[in-house]
Every structure is written in C-alpha cells, then in structure tokens.
C-alpha atoms as a PDB file:
ATOM      1  CA  UNK A   1     -24.970   7.339-126.651  1.00  0.00           C
ATOM      2  CA  UNK A   2     -21.441   8.312-125.713  1.00  0.00           C
ATOM      3  CA  UNK A   3     -22.658  11.014-123.353  1.00  0.00           C
ATOM      4  CA  UNK A   4     -24.919   8.484-121.634  1.00  0.00           C
ATOM      5  CA  UNK A   5     -22.037   6.047-121.244  1.00  0.00           C
ATOM      6  CA  UNK A   6     -19.846   8.726-119.724  1.00  0.00           C
ATOM      7  CA  UNK A   7     -22.393   9.259-116.951  1.00  0.00           C
ATOM      8  CA  UNK A   8     -22.264   5.643-115.800  1.00  0.00           C
ATOM      9  CA  UNK A   9     -20.539   5.352-112.424  1.00  0.00           C
ATOM     10  CA  UNK A  10     -19.491   1.755-111.843  1.00  0.00           C
ATOM     11  CA  UNK A  11     -18.059   1.207-108.353  1.00  0.00           C
ATOM     12  CA  UNK A  12     -15.335  -1.338-107.683  1.00  0.00           C
ATOM     13  CA  UNK A  13     -15.050  -1.962-103.951  1.00  0.00           C
ATOM     14  CA  UNK A  14     -11.665  -2.982-102.556  1.00  0.00           C
ATOM     15  CA  UNK A  15     -11.510  -5.216 -99.498  1.00  0.00           C
ATOM     16  CA  UNK A  16      -8.538  -6.990 -97.991  1.00  0.00           C
ATOM     17  CA  UNK A  17      -9.007  -9.082 -94.845  1.00  0.00           C
ATOM     18  CA  UNK A  18     -12.431  -9.877 -93.375  1.00  0.00           C
ATOM     19  CA  UNK A  19     -11.395 -10.064 -89.744  1.00  0.00           C
ATOM     20  CA  UNK A  20     -12.030  -8.505 -86.340  1.00  0.00           C
ATOM     21  CA  UNK A  21      -8.395  -8.728 -85.298  1.00  0.00           C
ATOM     22  CA  UNK A  22      -5.433  -6.754 -86.625  1.00  0.00           C
ATOM     23  CA  UNK A  23      -2.328  -4.927 -85.527  1.00  0.00           C
ATOM     24  CA  UNK A  24      -2.684  -1.131 -85.409  1.00  0.00           C
ATOM     25  CA  UNK A  25      -0.713  -0.665 -88.625  1.00  0.00           C
ATOM     26  CA  UNK A  26      -2.837  -3.190 -90.520  1.00  0.00           C
ATOM     27  CA  UNK A  27      -6.236  -2.318 -89.114  1.00  0.00           C
ATOM     28  CA  UNK A  28      -7.117  -0.061 -92.072  1.00  0.00           C
ATOM     29  CA  UNK A  29      -6.988  -3.144 -94.308  1.00  0.00           C
ATOM     30  CA  UNK A  30      -9.548  -5.118 -92.325  1.00  0.00           C
ATOM     31  CA  UNK A  31     -13.327  -5.141 -92.156  1.00  0.00           C
ATOM     32  CA  UNK A  32     -15.085  -7.128 -89.457  1.00  0.00           C
ATOM     33  CA  UNK A  33     -17.413  -9.967 -90.512  1.00  0.00           C
ATOM     34  CA  UNK A  34     -20.300  -8.060 -88.925  1.00  0.00           C
ATOM     35  CA  UNK A  35     -19.666  -4.882 -90.936  1.00  0.00           C
ATOM     36  CA  UNK A  36     -19.077  -6.929 -94.082  1.00  0.00           C
ATOM     37  CA  UNK A  37     -22.445  -8.624 -93.616  1.00  0.00           C
ATOM     38  CA  UNK A  38     -24.118  -5.209 -93.345  1.00  0.00           C
ATOM     39  CA  UNK A  39     -22.482  -4.138 -96.610  1.00  0.00           C
ATOM     40  CA  UNK A  40     -23.695  -7.242 -98.436  1.00  0.00           C
ATOM     41  CA  UNK A  41     -27.157  -6.985 -96.943  1.00  0.00           C
ATOM     42  CA  UNK A  42     -27.425  -3.429 -98.259  1.00  0.00           C
ATOM     43  CA  UNK A  43     -26.379  -4.525-101.760  1.00  0.00           C
ATOM     44  CA  UNK A  44     -28.861  -7.398-101.627  1.00  0.00           C
ATOM     45  CA  UNK A  45     -31.796  -5.320-100.347  1.00  0.00           C
ATOM     46  CA  UNK A  46     -31.244  -2.600-102.934  1.00  0.00           C
ATOM     47  CA  UNK A  47     -30.964  -5.075-105.809  1.00  0.00           C
ATOM     48  CA  UNK A  48     -27.386  -4.437-106.853  1.00  0.00           C
ATOM     49  CA  UNK A  49     -25.986  -6.841-109.441  1.00  0.00           C
ATOM     50  CA  UNK A  50     -22.442  -8.009-108.752  1.00  0.00           C
ATOM     51  CA  UNK A  51     -19.945  -8.666-111.513  1.00  0.00           C
ATOM     52  CA  UNK A  52     -16.381  -9.861-111.704  1.00  0.00           C
ATOM     53  CA  UNK A  53     -13.764  -7.465-113.043  1.00  0.00           C
ATOM     54  CA  UNK A  54     -13.446  -9.480-116.240  1.00  0.00           C
ATOM     55  CA  UNK A  55     -17.209  -9.399-116.765  1.00  0.00           C
ATOM     56  CA  UNK A  56     -17.111  -5.623-116.382  1.00  0.00           C
ATOM     57  CA  UNK A  57     -14.285  -5.277-118.907  1.00  0.00           C
ATOM     58  CA  UNK A  58     -16.246  -7.370-121.386  1.00  0.00           C
ATOM     59  CA  UNK A  59     -19.174  -4.987-120.893  1.00  0.00           C
ATOM     60  CA  UNK A  60     -16.792  -2.099-121.598  1.00  0.00           C
ATOM     61  CA  UNK A  61     -16.071  -3.665-124.973  1.00  0.00           C
ATOM     62  CA  UNK A  62     -19.651  -4.669-125.775  1.00  0.00           C
ATOM     63  CA  UNK A  63     -21.281  -1.455-124.621  1.00  0.00           C
ATOM     64  CA  UNK A  64     -24.020  -0.223-122.353  1.00  0.00           C
ATOM     65  CA  UNK A  65     -26.493  -2.976-123.293  1.00  0.00           C
ATOM     66  CA  UNK A  66     -24.298  -5.619-121.651  1.00  0.00           C
ATOM     67  CA  UNK A  67     -24.042  -3.810-118.310  1.00  0.00           C
ATOM     68  CA  UNK A  68     -26.446  -5.140-115.639  1.00  0.00           C
ATOM     69  CA  UNK A  69     -28.590  -2.592-113.780  1.00  0.00           C
ATOM     70  CA  UNK A  70     -27.148  -1.223-110.528  1.00  0.00           C
ATOM     71  CA  UNK A  71     -23.816  -2.893-111.167  1.00  0.00           C
ATOM     72  CA  UNK A  72     -21.195  -3.264-108.443  1.00  0.00           C
ATOM     73  CA  UNK A  73     -17.872  -5.089-108.376  1.00  0.00           C
ATOM     74  CA  UNK A  74     -16.349  -6.496-105.198  1.00  0.00           C
ATOM     75  CA  UNK A  75     -12.619  -7.197-105.099  1.00  0.00           C
ATOM     76  CA  UNK A  76     -10.414  -8.712-102.408  1.00  0.00           C
ATOM     77  CA  UNK A  77      -6.657  -8.230-102.406  1.00  0.00           C
ATOM     78  CA  UNK A  78      -3.782 -10.468-101.274  1.00  0.00           C
ATOM     79  CA  UNK A  79      -5.501 -13.835-100.686  1.00  0.00           C
ATOM     80  CA  UNK A  80      -6.032 -14.130 -96.938  1.00  0.00           C
ATOM     81  CA  UNK A  81      -7.501 -17.343 -95.564  1.00  0.00           C
ATOM     82  CA  UNK A  82     -10.441 -15.442 -94.119  1.00  0.00           C
ATOM     83  CA  UNK A  83     -11.722 -14.936 -97.655  1.00  0.00           C
ATOM     84  CA  UNK A  84     -12.522 -18.656 -97.666  1.00  0.00           C
ATOM     85  CA  UNK A  85     -13.775 -18.868 -94.087  1.00  0.00           C
ATOM     86  CA  UNK A  86     -15.579 -15.504 -93.805  1.00  0.00           C
ATOM     87  CA  UNK A  87     -16.086 -13.682 -97.090  1.00  0.00           C
ATOM     88  CA  UNK A  88     -17.040 -16.540 -99.390  1.00  0.00           C
ATOM     89  CA  UNK A  89     -19.900 -17.914 -97.241  1.00  0.00           C
ATOM     90  CA  UNK A  90     -21.325 -14.397 -96.884  1.00  0.00           C
ATOM     91  CA  UNK A  91     -21.081 -13.737-100.617  1.00  0.00           C
ATOM     92  CA  UNK A  92     -22.825 -17.026-101.353  1.00  0.00           C
ATOM     93  CA  UNK A  93     -25.642 -16.285 -98.893  1.00  0.00           C
ATOM     94  CA  UNK A  94     -26.387 -13.091-100.789  1.00  0.00           C
ATOM     95  CA  UNK A  95     -25.838 -14.492-104.275  1.00  0.00           C
ATOM     96  CA  UNK A  96     -22.895 -12.206-105.039  1.00  0.00           C
ATOM     97  CA  UNK A  97     -19.744 -12.815-107.047  1.00  0.00           C
ATOM     98  CA  UNK A  98     -16.331 -11.160-106.671  1.00  0.00           C
ATOM     99  CA  UNK A  99     -12.772 -11.023-107.944  1.00  0.00           C
ATOM    100  CA  UNK A 100      -9.987 -12.250-105.653  1.00  0.00           C
ATOM    101  CA  UNK A 101      -6.417 -11.071-106.289  1.00  0.00           C
ATOM    102  CA  UNK A 102      -3.720 -13.413-104.982  1.00  0.00           C
ATOM    103  CA  UNK A 103      -0.032 -12.834-104.225  1.00  0.00           C
ATOM    104  CA  UNK A 104       1.178 -16.284-105.269  1.00  0.00           C
ATOM    105  CA  UNK A 105       4.386 -16.617-103.263  1.00  0.00           C
ATOM    106  CA  UNK A 106       2.452 -16.733 -99.997  1.00  0.00           C
ATOM    107  CA  UNK A 107      -0.184 -19.318-100.927  1.00  0.00           C
ATOM    108  CA  UNK A 108      -0.281 -21.961 -98.217  1.00  0.00           C
ATOM    109  CA  UNK A 109       1.798 -19.800 -95.890  1.00  0.00           C
ATOM    110  CA  UNK A 110       1.481 -16.493 -94.092  1.00  0.00           C
ATOM    111  CA  UNK A 111       1.630 -12.813 -95.033  1.00  0.00           C
ATOM    112  CA  UNK A 112       5.385 -12.472 -94.670  1.00  0.00           C
ATOM    113  CA  UNK A 113       5.543  -9.209 -96.637  1.00  0.00           C
ATOM    114  CA  UNK A 114       3.638  -7.530 -93.783  1.00  0.00           C
ATOM    115  CA  UNK A 115       6.417  -7.857 -91.220  1.00  0.00           C
ATOM    116  CA  UNK A 116       6.689  -4.088 -90.732  1.00  0.00           C
ATOM    117  CA  UNK A 117       2.972  -3.953 -90.015  1.00  0.00           C
ATOM    118  CA  UNK A 118       3.264  -6.699 -87.396  1.00  0.00           C
ATOM    119  CA  UNK A 119       1.133  -9.035 -89.505  1.00  0.00           C
ATOM    120  CA  UNK A 120       3.633 -11.499 -90.934  1.00  0.00           C
ATOM    121  CA  UNK A 121       1.755 -14.496 -89.485  1.00  0.00           C
ATOM    122  CA  UNK A 122      -1.711 -13.809 -90.928  1.00  0.00           C
ATOM    123  CA  UNK A 123      -2.788 -17.081 -92.620  1.00  0.00           C
ATOM    124  CA  UNK A 124      -3.110 -17.107 -96.393  1.00  0.00           C
ATOM    125  CA  UNK A 125      -5.250 -19.270 -98.649  1.00  0.00           C
ATOM    126  CA  UNK A 126      -4.065 -22.740 -99.621  1.00  0.00           C
ATOM    127  CA  UNK A 127      -4.092 -24.112-103.152  1.00  0.00           C
ATOM    128  CA  UNK A 128      -6.922 -26.461-102.195  1.00  0.00           C
ATOM    129  CA  UNK A 129      -9.019 -23.551-100.929  1.00  0.00           C
ATOM    130  CA  UNK A 130      -8.245 -21.535-104.069  1.00  0.00           C
ATOM    131  CA  UNK A 131      -9.365 -24.446-106.249  1.00  0.00           C
ATOM    132  CA  UNK A 132     -12.699 -24.566-104.430  1.00  0.00           C
ATOM    133  CA  UNK A 133     -13.055 -20.782-104.608  1.00  0.00           C
ATOM    134  CA  UNK A 134     -12.405 -20.719-108.348  1.00  0.00           C
ATOM    135  CA  UNK A 135     -15.254 -23.171-108.978  1.00  0.00           C
ATOM    136  CA  UNK A 136     -17.771 -21.179-106.916  1.00  0.00           C
ATOM    137  CA  UNK A 137     -18.271 -18.189-109.199  1.00  0.00           C
ATOM    138  CA  UNK A 138     -15.325 -16.203-107.871  1.00  0.00           C
ATOM    139  CA  UNK A 139     -12.758 -14.881-110.347  1.00  0.00           C
ATOM    140  CA  UNK A 140      -9.160 -15.481-109.277  1.00  0.00           C
ATOM    141  CA  UNK A 141      -6.772 -12.792-110.482  1.00  0.00           C
ATOM    142  CA  UNK A 142      -3.072 -12.166-109.942  1.00  0.00           C
ATOM    143  CA  UNK A 143      -1.566  -9.700-107.483  1.00  0.00           C
ATOM    144  CA  UNK A 144       2.118 -10.287-108.376  1.00  0.00           C
ATOM    145  CA  UNK A 145       4.279 -13.010-106.851  1.00  0.00           C
ATOM    146  CA  UNK A 146       5.979 -11.334-103.873  1.00  0.00           C
ATOM    147  CA  UNK A 147       3.730  -8.240-103.485  1.00  0.00           C
ATOM    148  CA  UNK A 148       6.366  -5.555-104.251  1.00  0.00           C
ATOM    149  CA  UNK A 149       5.707  -1.963-105.364  1.00  0.00           C
ATOM    150  CA  UNK A 150       6.108  -2.620-109.080  1.00  0.00           C
ATOM    151  CA  UNK A 151       6.869   1.012-109.888  1.00  0.00           C
ATOM    152  CA  UNK A 152      10.121   0.704-107.918  1.00  0.00           C
ATOM    153  CA  UNK A 153      11.404  -2.355-109.811  1.00  0.00           C
ATOM    154  CA  UNK A 154      13.443  -2.668-112.975  1.00  0.00           C
ATOM    155  CA  UNK A 155      11.185  -3.615-115.918  1.00  0.00           C
ATOM    156  CA  UNK A 156      12.651  -7.117-116.146  1.00  0.00           C
ATOM    157  CA  UNK A 157      11.939  -7.814-112.485  1.00  0.00           C
ATOM    158  CA  UNK A 158       8.444  -6.331-112.705  1.00  0.00           C
ATOM    159  CA  UNK A 159       7.761  -8.537-115.719  1.00  0.00           C
ATOM    160  CA  UNK A 160       8.836 -11.627-113.765  1.00  0.00           C
ATOM    161  CA  UNK A 161       6.459 -10.706-110.952  1.00  0.00           C
ATOM    162  CA  UNK A 162       3.553 -10.127-113.320  1.00  0.00           C
ATOM    163  CA  UNK A 163       4.088 -13.143-115.554  1.00  0.00           C
ATOM    164  CA  UNK A 164       5.055 -15.708-112.919  1.00  0.00           C
ATOM    165  CA  UNK A 165       1.977 -15.086-110.769  1.00  0.00           C
ATOM    166  CA  UNK A 166      -0.253 -15.552-113.812  1.00  0.00           C
ATOM    167  CA  UNK A 167       1.485 -18.741-114.852  1.00  0.00           C
ATOM    168  CA  UNK A 168       1.300 -20.260-111.369  1.00  0.00           C
ATOM    169  CA  UNK A 169      -2.407 -19.562-110.983  1.00  0.00           C
ATOM    170  CA  UNK A 170      -3.248 -20.834-114.462  1.00  0.00           C
ATOM    171  CA  UNK A 171      -1.240 -24.012-113.947  1.00  0.00           C
ATOM    172  CA  UNK A 172      -2.700 -24.861-110.538  1.00  0.00           C
ATOM    173  CA  UNK A 173      -6.292 -23.749-111.177  1.00  0.00           C
ATOM    174  CA  UNK A 174      -6.494 -24.910-114.820  1.00  0.00           C
ATOM    175  CA  UNK A 175      -8.169 -21.719-115.992  1.00  0.00           C
ATOM    176  CA  UNK A 176      -7.250 -18.468-117.679  1.00  0.00           C
ATOM    177  CA  UNK A 177      -6.209 -15.630-115.372  1.00  0.00           C
ATOM    178  CA  UNK A 178      -7.217 -12.383-117.053  1.00  0.00           C
ATOM    179  CA  UNK A 179      -7.193  -9.714-114.334  1.00  0.00           C
ATOM    180  CA  UNK A 180      -4.352  -8.184-112.333  1.00  0.00           C
ATOM    181  CA  UNK A 181      -4.203  -5.817-109.353  1.00  0.00           C
ATOM    182  CA  UNK A 182      -1.182  -3.579-108.812  1.00  0.00           C
ATOM    183  CA  UNK A 183       0.282  -4.106-105.318  1.00  0.00           C
ATOM    184  CA  UNK A 184      -0.327  -0.951-103.242  1.00  0.00           C
ATOM    185  CA  UNK A 185      -2.046   0.480-106.336  1.00  0.00           C
ATOM    186  CA  UNK A 186       1.272   1.681-107.783  1.00  0.00           C
ATOM    187  CA  UNK A 187       2.137   1.367-111.453  1.00  0.00           C
ATOM    188  CA  UNK A 188       3.877   3.194-114.269  1.00  0.00           C
ATOM    189  CA  UNK A 189       3.089   3.346-117.996  1.00  0.00           C
ATOM    190  CA  UNK A 190       5.747   0.676-118.475  1.00  0.00           C
ATOM    191  CA  UNK A 191       4.246  -1.593-115.801  1.00  0.00           C
ATOM    192  CA  UNK A 192       0.827  -1.126-117.364  1.00  0.00           C
ATOM    193  CA  UNK A 193       2.274  -2.095-120.743  1.00  0.00           C
ATOM    194  CA  UNK A 194       3.863  -5.240-119.291  1.00  0.00           C
ATOM    195  CA  UNK A 195       0.540  -6.282-117.766  1.00  0.00           C
ATOM    196  CA  UNK A 196      -1.167  -5.891-121.129  1.00  0.00           C
ATOM    197  CA  UNK A 197       1.615  -7.714-122.980  1.00  0.00           C
ATOM    198  CA  UNK A 198       1.423 -10.591-120.484  1.00  0.00           C
ATOM    199  CA  UNK A 199      -2.086 -11.520-121.576  1.00  0.00           C
ATOM    200  CA  UNK A 200      -4.225  -9.822-118.960  1.00  0.00           C
ATOM    201  CA  UNK A 201      -7.324  -7.964-120.110  1.00  0.00           C
ATOM    202  CA  UNK A 202      -7.613  -5.679-117.075  1.00  0.00           C
ATOM    203  CA  UNK A 203      -5.776  -4.300-114.061  1.00  0.00           C
ATOM    204  CA  UNK A 204      -7.013  -2.577-110.921  1.00  0.00           C
ATOM    205  CA  UNK A 205      -5.352   0.366-109.218  1.00  0.00           C
ATOM    206  CA  UNK A 206      -7.023   2.337-106.396  1.00  0.00           C
ATOM    207  CA  UNK A 207      -7.721   6.031-107.251  1.00  0.00           C
ATOM    208  CA  UNK A 208     -10.728   6.267-104.872  1.00  0.00           C
ATOM    209  CA  UNK A 209     -13.386   6.958-107.480  1.00  0.00           C
ATOM    210  CA  UNK A 210     -15.755   5.037-109.740  1.00  0.00           C
ATOM    211  CA  UNK A 211     -15.411   3.910-113.345  1.00  0.00           C
ATOM    212  CA  UNK A 212     -17.154   4.508-116.633  1.00  0.00           C
ATOM    213  CA  UNK A 213     -17.369   2.260-119.662  1.00  0.00           C
ATOM    214  CA  UNK A 214     -14.846   4.542-121.369  1.00  0.00           C
ATOM    215  CA  UNK A 215     -12.077   4.215-118.774  1.00  0.00           C
ATOM    216  CA  UNK A 216      -8.747   2.467-119.288  1.00  0.00           C
ATOM    217  CA  UNK A 217      -9.273  -1.244-118.429  1.00  0.00           C
ATOM    218  CA  UNK A 218      -5.647  -1.406-117.240  1.00  0.00           C
ATOM    219  CA  UNK A 219      -6.090   1.420-114.732  1.00  0.00           C
ATOM    220  CA  UNK A 220      -9.437   0.694-113.103  1.00  0.00           C
ATOM    221  CA  UNK A 221     -10.324   2.774-110.072  1.00  0.00           C
ATOM    222  CA  UNK A 222     -11.424   1.264-106.765  1.00  0.00           C
ATOM    223  CA  UNK A 223     -12.981   2.495-103.543  1.00  0.00           C
ATOM    224  CA  UNK A 224     -11.023   1.414-100.469  1.00  0.00           C
ATOM    225  CA  UNK A 225     -13.333  -0.063 -97.841  1.00  0.00           C
ATOM    226  CA  UNK A 226     -12.164   0.670 -94.290  1.00  0.00           C
ATOM    227  CA  UNK A 227     -13.055  -0.815 -90.868  1.00  0.00           C
ATOM    228  CA  UNK A 228     -15.314   2.145 -90.126  1.00  0.00           C
ATOM    229  CA  UNK A 229     -17.055   2.236 -93.509  1.00  0.00           C
ATOM    230  CA  UNK A 230     -20.708   2.127 -92.540  1.00  0.00           C
ATOM    231  CA  UNK A 231     -23.708   1.452 -94.737  1.00  0.00           C
ATOM    232  CA  UNK A 232     -24.458   5.165 -95.108  1.00  0.00           C
ATOM    233  CA  UNK A 233     -20.968   5.870 -96.474  1.00  0.00           C
ATOM    234  CA  UNK A 234     -21.245   2.911 -98.821  1.00  0.00           C
ATOM    235  CA  UNK A 235     -24.694   3.964-100.036  1.00  0.00           C
ATOM    236  CA  UNK A 236     -23.515   7.525-100.645  1.00  0.00           C
ATOM    237  CA  UNK A 237     -20.576   6.373-102.746  1.00  0.00           C
ATOM    238  CA  UNK A 238     -22.689   3.944-104.770  1.00  0.00           C
ATOM    239  CA  UNK A 239     -25.528   6.357-105.492  1.00  0.00           C
ATOM    240  CA  UNK A 240     -23.798   9.738-105.814  1.00  0.00           C
ATOM    241  CA  UNK A 241     -20.105   9.037-106.494  1.00  0.00           C
ATOM    242  CA  UNK A 242     -19.156  11.230-103.548  1.00  0.00           C
ATOM    243  CA  UNK A 243     -18.778  11.015 -99.778  1.00  0.00           C
ATOM    244  CA  UNK A 244     -15.967   9.750 -97.529  1.00  0.00           C
ATOM    245  CA  UNK A 245     -15.023   6.842 -99.818  1.00  0.00           C
ATOM    246  CA  UNK A 246     -14.540   9.013-102.896  1.00  0.00           C
ATOM    247  CA  UNK A 247     -11.542  11.291-103.270  1.00  0.00           C
ATOM    248  CA  UNK A 248     -12.272  14.889-104.201  1.00  0.00           C
ATOM    249  CA  UNK A 249     -10.904  16.249-107.507  1.00  0.00           C
ATOM    250  CA  UNK A 250      -8.200  18.080-105.539  1.00  0.00           C
ATOM    251  CA  UNK A 251      -7.130  14.906-103.757  1.00  0.00           C
ATOM    252  CA  UNK A 252      -7.129  12.973-107.021  1.00  0.00           C
ATOM    253  CA  UNK A 253      -4.922  15.636-108.600  1.00  0.00           C
ATOM    254  CA  UNK A 254      -2.511  15.466-105.668  1.00  0.00           C
ATOM    255  CA  UNK A 255      -2.441  11.674-105.906  1.00  0.00           C
ATOM    256  CA  UNK A 256      -1.668  11.915-109.623  1.00  0.00           C
ATOM    257  CA  UNK A 257       1.220  14.286-108.930  1.00  0.00           C
ATOM    258  CA  UNK A 258       2.573  11.952-106.239  1.00  0.00           C
ATOM    259  CA  UNK A 259       2.342   9.037-108.662  1.00  0.00           C
ATOM    260  CA  UNK A 260       4.265  11.009-111.308  1.00  0.00           C
ATOM    261  CA  UNK A 261       6.981  11.748-108.766  1.00  0.00           C
ATOM    262  CA  UNK A 262       7.104   8.067-107.818  1.00  0.00           C
ATOM    263  CA  UNK A 263       7.383   7.147-111.499  1.00  0.00           C
ATOM    264  CA  UNK A 264      10.461   9.359-111.922  1.00  0.00           C
ATOM    265  CA  UNK A 265      12.001   8.159-108.664  1.00  0.00           C
ATOM    266  CA  UNK A 266      11.230   4.549-109.502  1.00  0.00           C
ATOM    267  CA  UNK A 267      12.934   4.829-112.875  1.00  0.00           C
ATOM    268  CA  UNK A 268      16.080   6.161-111.219  1.00  0.00           C
ATOM    269  CA  UNK A 269      15.854   3.621-108.413  1.00  0.00           C
ATOM    270  CA  UNK A 270      15.286   0.716-110.774  1.00  0.00           C
ATOM    271  CA  UNK A 271      18.303   1.664-112.856  1.00  0.00           C
ATOM    272  CA  UNK A 272      20.688   1.227-109.947  1.00  0.00           C
ATOM    273  CA  UNK A 273      22.430  -2.055-110.511  1.00  0.00           C
ATOM    274  CA  UNK A 274      22.741  -2.925-106.840  1.00  0.00           C
ATOM    275  CA  UNK A 275      19.000  -2.606-106.329  1.00  0.00           C
ATOM    276  CA  UNK A 276      18.252  -4.563-109.484  1.00  0.00           C
ATOM    277  CA  UNK A 277      20.529  -7.387-108.465  1.00  0.00           C
ATOM    278  CA  UNK A 278      19.018  -7.594-105.000  1.00  0.00           C
ATOM    279  CA  UNK A 279      15.447  -7.553-106.331  1.00  0.00           C
ATOM    280  CA  UNK A 280      16.242 -10.119-109.012  1.00  0.00           C
ATOM    281  CA  UNK A 281      17.884 -12.400-106.471  1.00  0.00           C
ATOM    282  CA  UNK A 282      14.872 -12.185-104.155  1.00  0.00           C
ATOM    283  CA  UNK A 283      12.450 -12.965-106.970  1.00  0.00           C
ATOM    284  CA  UNK A 284      14.524 -15.889-108.278  1.00  0.00           C
ATOM    285  CA  UNK A 285      14.825 -17.259-104.758  1.00  0.00           C
ATOM    286  CA  UNK A 286      11.079 -17.022-104.208  1.00  0.00           C
ATOM    287  CA  UNK A 287      10.386 -18.906-107.455  1.00  0.00           C
ATOM    288  CA  UNK A 288      12.435 -21.795-106.140  1.00  0.00           C
ATOM    289  CA  UNK A 289      10.097 -22.124-103.134  1.00  0.00           C
END
C-alpha cells in the first residue's frame, strides 16, 4: 500500500495573472486567456478531476481511497483582478475548482510590491469580488499581507505577516482559511513552523515537481506555468512527471542548496536590528491601512 502511494504524482499547477499584457520583467508570471483556455480544455477532455489544496491535504490524511482519479490542483497566486474577470469564468465553464492565494494588503488596490517589475498598477481583486469567488467553489488562501520574502524577516515579523493575512480573510469572508502560499516560494523551517502554529493545514512552495500522498503538507511542490507553456508541455508533466515544467534532480538539488544558503543569510539578516525595525514599521503601517 505504501509503495503504491509513493508512486502517485499529484500535480499542483501555479498560475499568477491571466492576461495578455505585461511588462518584460513580469511576463513570466502571466498566461494569456487563450493559452489558459487551451490548458483547461485539455484537462476537461482528458477527464482530470480538480481539487482544492485543502481537499488534497485531507486526502493525504485519509489515504489513497479519498483521492479522485487523474487528480490535478490549480492554484493562483497574489489575487489579481483578472482572476475574477478571466480565470473564474473559464474554470466554471469547464467545471473546475482551484485555490486562490491572496496578498491581503493590496485587496481593492494595485500590485504595489511589483514596482521594480514595472507592474505596480496591475489591478487587484476587491473584497466584493473575493466574497463572490469564495462562494463559487474556489478556496481562498493566504499569501501573506505585504508579499515579502518571509525567509528574510525576523520571526516576529514573519508571524505578523502570516497571521494577519489569515485573520483578515477569515473576518471578511466569514470562513476558515486553511491554506497558505509562501511568497516567492521561500521559507525556512521556522517559517514553516509558524504557518503550522497559526492554524493552517497546508502551505505551497514551488519546487517544480509533483507531490505524493506522503509529502509534507507544509511544503507542497508546484509546477510554474509560463506564458509559453503549451498543451504538450502540460500533458507531459501531468502524465510522466518530467518535461520542461519539471525540474531535473540536479536542478532540484541546486535549488535546495540555494535555499539553505538563503536560510543562513536570512537568519543573519533578520537579526540585524535596523532591518527588523524597518520591516516591523512597514508591516505595522500597512495594518493601519
């Protein structure tokens, strides 16, 4: 039984903005509505069953029998307005569900954290849109409050980011928020622990591979969907756990080493009082908005 479970490859697809327009530095985080429709049509034609992240984690606990055949999980990071105008109608046409991760500070505003990418004015979802989304079969998860790299923050500041986003979403949507996505995919063992202590039952990273029922629910892997991800690339990843969307073992090892280096650097960086004070001030100021 355990050997059979280990062979299960459950893909979690990671989208950001469903849009045909983007600055050069942000283009890798967009997928055009036309390409997105092709992706969903493929899933529909080949009888994939979509799940939310929380549904998948429950299946991890309950075992193989609770996992639908040909399972796939679609996730969308940040909370752009085009999820409501573009992604949601397409998902509904194909009878698919998804998990949406929202950076709560920017709800009703624009993507101000993307100033360096030239995308600070990209519209974000409003609370009214989020309320409608949350009643349409879409899971709303948290993506921190201000979208910082959590591995570079002092633990107290990281905790504020993780907890405050959960509290805001639960208060405004009147439902439990159980899933979290690490901004930029970065986390440390301490950040992971804070997420678990804060009442979440899962957290998504990136990792560029698929998941099994035995994986850590607080370090779920995702496949990053790019503007040029065609149906063939998607099909290859879903059916064989390889191809352009899936990192090779060598690349995954290198990524793990880079993350370990970041963890050490982040611990040193977070311990500097000047950085901590600045980060804490920014977070406190954002909570007042």
